Amino acid sequence: MAVPKKRTTRAKRDSRRANNSKRVTVQLVNCPQCHEPKLPHHVCKACGYYGSKEVVEVK
């Protein structure tokens, strides 16, 4: 089993973990049917359309 020869410093450890805390901003696109903002490649929650087809019936 591999065992480290030297202890990893706090700075080295924390700088390696720093990328985990970065957040990616959510990109929104306008629905081609109702022009409401929605996530790309998802069904629109306002009108139920995906592309040019209605896939979910919205009340």
PDB file of N, CA and C in Angstrom:
ATOM      1  N   MET A   1       0.848  -1.177   0.000  1.00  0.00           N
ATOM      2  CA  MET A   1       0.000   0.000   0.000  1.00  0.00           C
ATOM      3  C   MET A   1       0.892   1.237   0.000  1.00  0.00           C
ATOM      4  N   ALA A   2       0.526   2.236  -0.809  1.00  0.00           N
ATOM      5  CA  ALA A   2       1.336   3.447  -0.905  1.00  0.00           C
ATOM      6  C   ALA A   2       1.109   4.333   0.311  1.00  0.00           C
ATOM      7  N   VAL A   3       2.208   4.798   0.885  1.00  0.00           N
ATOM      8  CA  VAL A   3       2.162   5.678   2.047  1.00  0.00           C
ATOM      9  C   VAL A   3       2.985   6.918   1.718  1.00  0.00           C
ATOM     10  N   PRO A   4       2.436   8.132   1.922  1.00  0.00           N
ATOM     11  CA  PRO A   4       3.199   9.333   1.622  1.00  0.00           C
ATOM     12  C   PRO A   4       4.403   9.473   2.546  1.00  0.00           C
ATOM     13  N   LYS A   5       5.535   9.927   1.985  1.00  0.00           N
ATOM     14  CA  LYS A   5       6.749  10.104   2.791  1.00  0.00           C
ATOM     15  C   LYS A   5       6.679  11.367   3.637  1.00  0.00           C
ATOM     16  N   LYS A   6       6.038  12.398   3.106  1.00  0.00           N
ATOM     17  CA  LYS A   6       5.960  13.674   3.822  1.00  0.00           C
ATOM     18  C   LYS A   6       4.500  14.089   3.965  1.00  0.00           C
ATOM     19  N   ARG A   7       4.233  14.845   4.995  1.00  0.00           N
ATOM     20  CA  ARG A   7       2.891  15.343   5.228  1.00  0.00           C
ATOM     21  C   ARG A   7       2.563  16.435   4.216  1.00  0.00           C
ATOM     22  N   THR A   8       1.346  16.428   3.693  1.00  0.00           N
ATOM     23  CA  THR A   8       0.902  17.466   2.774  1.00  0.00           C
ATOM     24  C   THR A   8       0.532  18.710   3.576  1.00  0.00           C
ATOM     25  N   THR A   9       1.059  19.852   3.178  1.00  0.00           N
ATOM     26  CA  THR A   9       0.805  21.089   3.913  1.00  0.00           C
ATOM     27  C   THR A   9      -0.635  21.556   3.701  1.00  0.00           C
ATOM     28  N   ARG A  10      -1.104  22.410   4.592  1.00  0.00           N
ATOM     29  CA  ARG A  10      -2.451  22.939   4.478  1.00  0.00           C
ATOM     30  C   ARG A  10      -2.621  23.742   3.194  1.00  0.00           C
ATOM     31  N   ALA A  11      -1.599  24.498   2.818  1.00  0.00           N
ATOM     32  CA  ALA A  11      -1.688  25.313   1.604  1.00  0.00           C
ATOM     33  C   ALA A  11      -1.816  24.440   0.355  1.00  0.00           C
ATOM     34  N   LYS A  12      -1.027  23.378   0.295  1.00  0.00           N
ATOM     35  CA  LYS A  12      -1.081  22.472  -0.849  1.00  0.00           C
ATOM     36  C   LYS A  12      -2.419  21.754  -0.913  1.00  0.00           C
ATOM     37  N   ARG A  13      -2.878  21.283   0.229  1.00  0.00           N
ATOM     38  CA  ARG A  13      -4.151  20.579   0.298  1.00  0.00           C
ATOM     39  C   ARG A  13      -5.308  21.498  -0.089  1.00  0.00           C
ATOM     40  N   ASP A  14      -5.338  22.716   0.472  1.00  0.00           N
ATOM     41  CA  ASP A  14      -6.442  23.630   0.218  1.00  0.00           C
ATOM     42  C   ASP A  14      -6.432  24.180  -1.196  1.00  0.00           C
ATOM     43  N   SER A  15      -5.249  24.387  -1.776  1.00  0.00           N
ATOM     44  CA  SER A  15      -5.204  24.872  -3.149  1.00  0.00           C
ATOM     45  C   SER A  15      -5.682  23.790  -4.117  1.00  0.00           C
ATOM     46  N   ARG A  16      -5.482  22.539  -3.786  1.00  0.00           N
ATOM     47  CA  ARG A  16      -5.979  21.452  -4.611  1.00  0.00           C
ATOM     48  C   ARG A  16      -7.499  21.370  -4.536  1.00  0.00           C
ATOM     49  N   ARG A  17      -8.061  21.675  -3.381  1.00  0.00           N
ATOM     50  CA  ARG A  17      -9.513  21.620  -3.200  1.00  0.00           C
ATOM     51  C   ARG A  17     -10.218  22.901  -3.634  1.00  0.00           C
ATOM     52  N   ALA A  18      -9.480  23.918  -4.018  1.00  0.00           N
ATOM     53  CA  ALA A  18     -10.083  25.218  -4.325  1.00  0.00           C
ATOM     54  C   ALA A  18     -10.996  25.147  -5.541  1.00  0.00           C
ATOM     55  N   ASN A  19     -10.702  24.274  -6.504  1.00  0.00           N
ATOM     56  CA  ASN A  19     -11.517  24.194  -7.716  1.00  0.00           C
ATOM     57  C   ASN A  19     -12.894  23.609  -7.451  1.00  0.00           C
ATOM     58  N   ASN A  20     -13.059  22.887  -6.355  1.00  0.00           N
ATOM     59  CA  ASN A  20     -14.363  22.305  -6.052  1.00  0.00           C
ATOM     60  C   ASN A  20     -15.387  23.350  -5.657  1.00  0.00           C
ATOM     61  N   SER A  21     -14.947  24.503  -5.180  1.00  0.00           N
ATOM     62  CA  SER A  21     -15.883  25.506  -4.697  1.00  0.00           C
ATOM     63  C   SER A  21     -16.342  26.464  -5.785  1.00  0.00           C
ATOM     64  N   LYS A  22     -15.754  26.397  -6.950  1.00  0.00           N
ATOM     65  CA  LYS A  22     -16.143  27.305  -8.031  1.00  0.00           C
ATOM     66  C   LYS A  22     -17.507  26.908  -8.563  1.00  0.00           C
ATOM     67  N   ARG A  23     -18.357  27.881  -8.721  1.00  0.00           N
ATOM     68  CA  ARG A  23     -19.712  27.638  -9.214  1.00  0.00           C
ATOM     69  C   ARG A  23     -19.807  28.064 -10.672  1.00  0.00           C
ATOM     70  N   VAL A  24     -20.547  27.301 -11.429  1.00  0.00           N
ATOM     71  CA  VAL A  24     -20.789  27.629 -12.827  1.00  0.00           C
ATOM     72  C   VAL A  24     -22.138  28.329 -12.903  1.00  0.00           C
ATOM     73  N   THR A  25     -22.184  29.474 -13.591  1.00  0.00           N
ATOM     74  CA  THR A  25     -23.445  30.189 -13.714  1.00  0.00           C
ATOM     75  C   THR A  25     -24.356  29.440 -14.677  1.00  0.00           C
ATOM     76  N   VAL A  26     -25.627  29.447 -14.390  1.00  0.00           N
ATOM     77  CA  VAL A  26     -26.604  28.752 -15.210  1.00  0.00           C
ATOM     78  C   VAL A  26     -26.909  29.611 -16.429  1.00  0.00           C
ATOM     79  N   GLN A  27     -26.772  29.011 -17.598  1.00  0.00           N
ATOM     80  CA  GLN A  27     -27.078  29.717 -18.836  1.00  0.00           C
ATOM     81  C   GLN A  27     -28.543  29.477 -19.181  1.00  0.00           C
ATOM     82  N   LEU A  28     -29.289  30.543 -19.401  1.00  0.00           N
ATOM     83  CA  LEU A  28     -30.693  30.436 -19.761  1.00  0.00           C
ATOM     84  C   LEU A  28     -30.879  30.881 -21.207  1.00  0.00           C
ATOM     85  N   VAL A  29     -31.804  30.238 -21.888  1.00  0.00           N
ATOM     86  CA  VAL A  29     -32.163  30.615 -23.254  1.00  0.00           C
ATOM     87  C   VAL A  29     -33.654  30.911 -23.262  1.00  0.00           C
ATOM     88  N   ASN A  30     -34.092  31.648 -24.264  1.00  0.00           N
ATOM     89  CA  ASN A  30     -35.517  31.948 -24.394  1.00  0.00           C
ATOM     90  C   ASN A  30     -36.215  30.828 -25.153  1.00  0.00           C
ATOM     91  N   CYS A  31     -37.389  30.466 -24.677  1.00  0.00           N
ATOM     92  CA  CYS A  31     -38.201  29.455 -25.336  1.00  0.00           C
ATOM     93  C   CYS A  31     -38.654  29.998 -26.693  1.00  0.00           C
ATOM     94  N   PRO A  32     -38.542  29.208 -27.765  1.00  0.00           N
ATOM     95  CA  PRO A  32     -38.965  29.712 -29.072  1.00  0.00           C
ATOM     96  C   PRO A  32     -40.477  29.906 -29.192  1.00  0.00           C
ATOM     97  N   GLN A  33     -41.267  29.259 -28.331  1.00  0.00           N
ATOM     98  CA  GLN A  33     -42.722  29.376 -28.400  1.00  0.00           C
ATOM     99  C   GLN A  33     -43.257  30.551 -27.577  1.00  0.00           C
ATOM    100  N   CYS A  34     -42.908  30.580 -26.287  1.00  0.00           N
ATOM    101  CA  CYS A  34     -43.492  31.580 -25.380  1.00  0.00           C
ATOM    102  C   CYS A  34     -42.485  32.644 -24.946  1.00  0.00           C
ATOM    103  N   HIS A  35     -41.226  32.491 -25.323  1.00  0.00           N
ATOM    104  CA  HIS A  35     -40.153  33.451 -25.028  1.00  0.00           C
ATOM    105  C   HIS A  35     -39.889  33.630 -23.536  1.00  0.00           C
ATOM    106  N   GLU A  36     -40.189  32.595 -22.749  1.00  0.00           N
ATOM    107  CA  GLU A  36     -39.845  32.587 -21.331  1.00  0.00           C
ATOM    108  C   GLU A  36     -38.434  32.013 -21.180  1.00  0.00           C
ATOM    109  N   PRO A  37     -37.667  32.465 -20.182  1.00  0.00           N
ATOM    110  CA  PRO A  37     -36.339  31.878 -19.989  1.00  0.00           C
ATOM    111  C   PRO A  37     -36.445  30.431 -19.504  1.00  0.00           C
ATOM    112  N   LYS A  38     -35.592  29.560 -20.073  1.00  0.00           N
ATOM    113  CA  LYS A  38     -35.587  28.149 -19.698  1.00  0.00           C
ATOM    114  C   LYS A  38     -34.177  27.611 -19.829  1.00  0.00           C
ATOM    115  N   LEU A  39     -33.929  26.434 -19.227  1.00  0.00           N
ATOM    116  CA  LEU A  39     -32.643  25.779 -19.365  1.00  0.00           C
ATOM    117  C   LEU A  39     -32.526  25.186 -20.766  1.00  0.00           C
ATOM    118  N   PRO A  40     -31.332  25.244 -21.362  1.00  0.00           N
ATOM    119  CA  PRO A  40     -31.191  24.643 -22.683  1.00  0.00           C
ATOM    120  C   PRO A  40     -31.346  23.122 -22.614  1.00  0.00           C
ATOM    121  N   HIS A  41     -31.926  22.533 -23.654  1.00  0.00           N
ATOM    122  CA  HIS A  41     -32.158  21.092 -23.769  1.00  0.00           C
ATOM    123  C   HIS A  41     -33.102  20.579 -22.685  1.00  0.00           C
ATOM    124  N   HIS A  42     -34.023  21.420 -22.228  1.00  0.00           N
ATOM    125  CA  HIS A  42     -35.047  21.027 -21.268  1.00  0.00           C
ATOM    126  C   HIS A  42     -36.405  21.464 -21.796  1.00  0.00           C
ATOM    127  N   VAL A  43     -37.455  20.808 -21.318  1.00  0.00           N
ATOM    128  CA  VAL A  43     -38.817  21.189 -21.669  1.00  0.00           C
ATOM    129  C   VAL A  43     -39.150  22.497 -20.975  1.00  0.00           C
ATOM    130  N   CYS A  44     -39.806  23.400 -21.683  1.00  0.00           N
ATOM    131  CA  CYS A  44     -40.206  24.685 -21.101  1.00  0.00           C
ATOM    132  C   CYS A  44     -41.299  24.444 -20.069  1.00  0.00           C
ATOM    133  N   LYS A  45     -41.130  24.988 -18.870  1.00  0.00           N
ATOM    134  CA  LYS A  45     -42.121  24.807 -17.808  1.00  0.00           C
ATOM    135  C   LYS A  45     -43.361  25.667 -18.037  1.00  0.00           C
ATOM    136  N   ALA A  46     -43.229  26.739 -18.806  1.00  0.00           N
ATOM    137  CA  ALA A  46     -44.357  27.642 -19.016  1.00  0.00           C
ATOM    138  C   ALA A  46     -45.335  27.105 -20.060  1.00  0.00           C
ATOM    139  N   CYS A  47     -44.813  26.567 -21.174  1.00  0.00           N
ATOM    140  CA  CYS A  47     -45.704  26.137 -22.249  1.00  0.00           C
ATOM    141  C   CYS A  47     -45.653  24.647 -22.540  1.00  0.00           C
ATOM    142  N   GLY A  48     -44.638  23.919 -22.041  1.00  0.00           N
ATOM    143  CA  GLY A  48     -44.561  22.478 -22.246  1.00  0.00           C
ATOM    144  C   GLY A  48     -43.955  22.057 -23.566  1.00  0.00           C
ATOM    145  N   TYR A  49     -43.334  22.979 -24.277  1.00  0.00           N
ATOM    146  CA  TYR A  49     -42.737  22.660 -25.569  1.00  0.00           C
ATOM    147  C   TYR A  49     -41.260  22.310 -25.422  1.00  0.00           C
ATOM    148  N   TYR A  50     -40.802  21.416 -26.271  1.00  0.00           N
ATOM    149  CA  TYR A  50     -39.376  21.113 -26.414  1.00  0.00           C
ATOM    150  C   TYR A  50     -39.072  21.287 -27.895  1.00  0.00           C
ATOM    151  N   GLY A  51     -38.367  22.353 -28.231  1.00  0.00           N
ATOM    152  CA  GLY A  51     -38.150  22.689 -29.634  1.00  0.00           C
ATOM    153  C   GLY A  51     -39.457  23.175 -30.227  1.00  0.00           C
ATOM    154  N   SER A  52     -39.944  22.490 -31.245  1.00  0.00           N
ATOM    155  CA  SER A  52     -41.198  22.902 -31.875  1.00  0.00           C
ATOM    156  C   SER A  52     -42.340  21.921 -31.594  1.00  0.00           C
ATOM    157  N   LYS A  53     -42.132  20.984 -30.651  1.00  0.00           N
ATOM    158  CA  LYS A  53     -43.150  19.989 -30.340  1.00  0.00           C
ATOM    159  C   LYS A  53     -43.627  20.142 -28.907  1.00  0.00           C
ATOM    160  N   GLU A  54     -44.931  19.991 -28.709  1.00  0.00           N
ATOM    161  CA  GLU A  54     -45.477  20.001 -27.352  1.00  0.00           C
ATOM    162  C   GLU A  54     -45.339  18.598 -26.773  1.00  0.00           C
ATOM    163  N   VAL A  55     -44.593  18.473 -25.687  1.00  0.00           N
ATOM    164  CA  VAL A  55     -44.363  17.158 -25.092  1.00  0.00           C
ATOM    165  C   VAL A  55     -45.033  17.021 -23.726  1.00  0.00           C
ATOM    166  N   VAL A  56     -45.338  18.135 -23.070  1.00  0.00           N
ATOM    167  CA  VAL A  56     -46.002  18.113 -21.766  1.00  0.00           C
ATOM    168  C   VAL A  56     -47.185  19.042 -21.835  1.00  0.00           C
ATOM    169  N   GLU A  57     -48.318  18.547 -21.347  1.00  0.00           N
ATOM    170  CA  GLU A  57     -49.514  19.380 -21.320  1.00  0.00           C
ATOM    171  C   GLU A  57     -49.480  20.248 -20.071  1.00  0.00           C
ATOM    172  N   VAL A  58     -49.549  21.571 -20.250  1.00  0.00           N
ATOM    173  CA  VAL A  58     -49.481  22.505 -19.130  1.00  0.00           C
ATOM    174  C   VAL A  58     -50.882  23.038 -18.857  1.00  0.00           C
ATOM    175  N   LYS A  59     -51.240  23.079 -17.587  1.00  0.00           N
ATOM    176  CA  LYS A  59     -52.583  23.557 -17.201  1.00  0.00           C
ATOM    177  C   LYS A  59     -52.680  25.062 -17.298  1.00  0.00           C
TER     178      LYS A  59
END
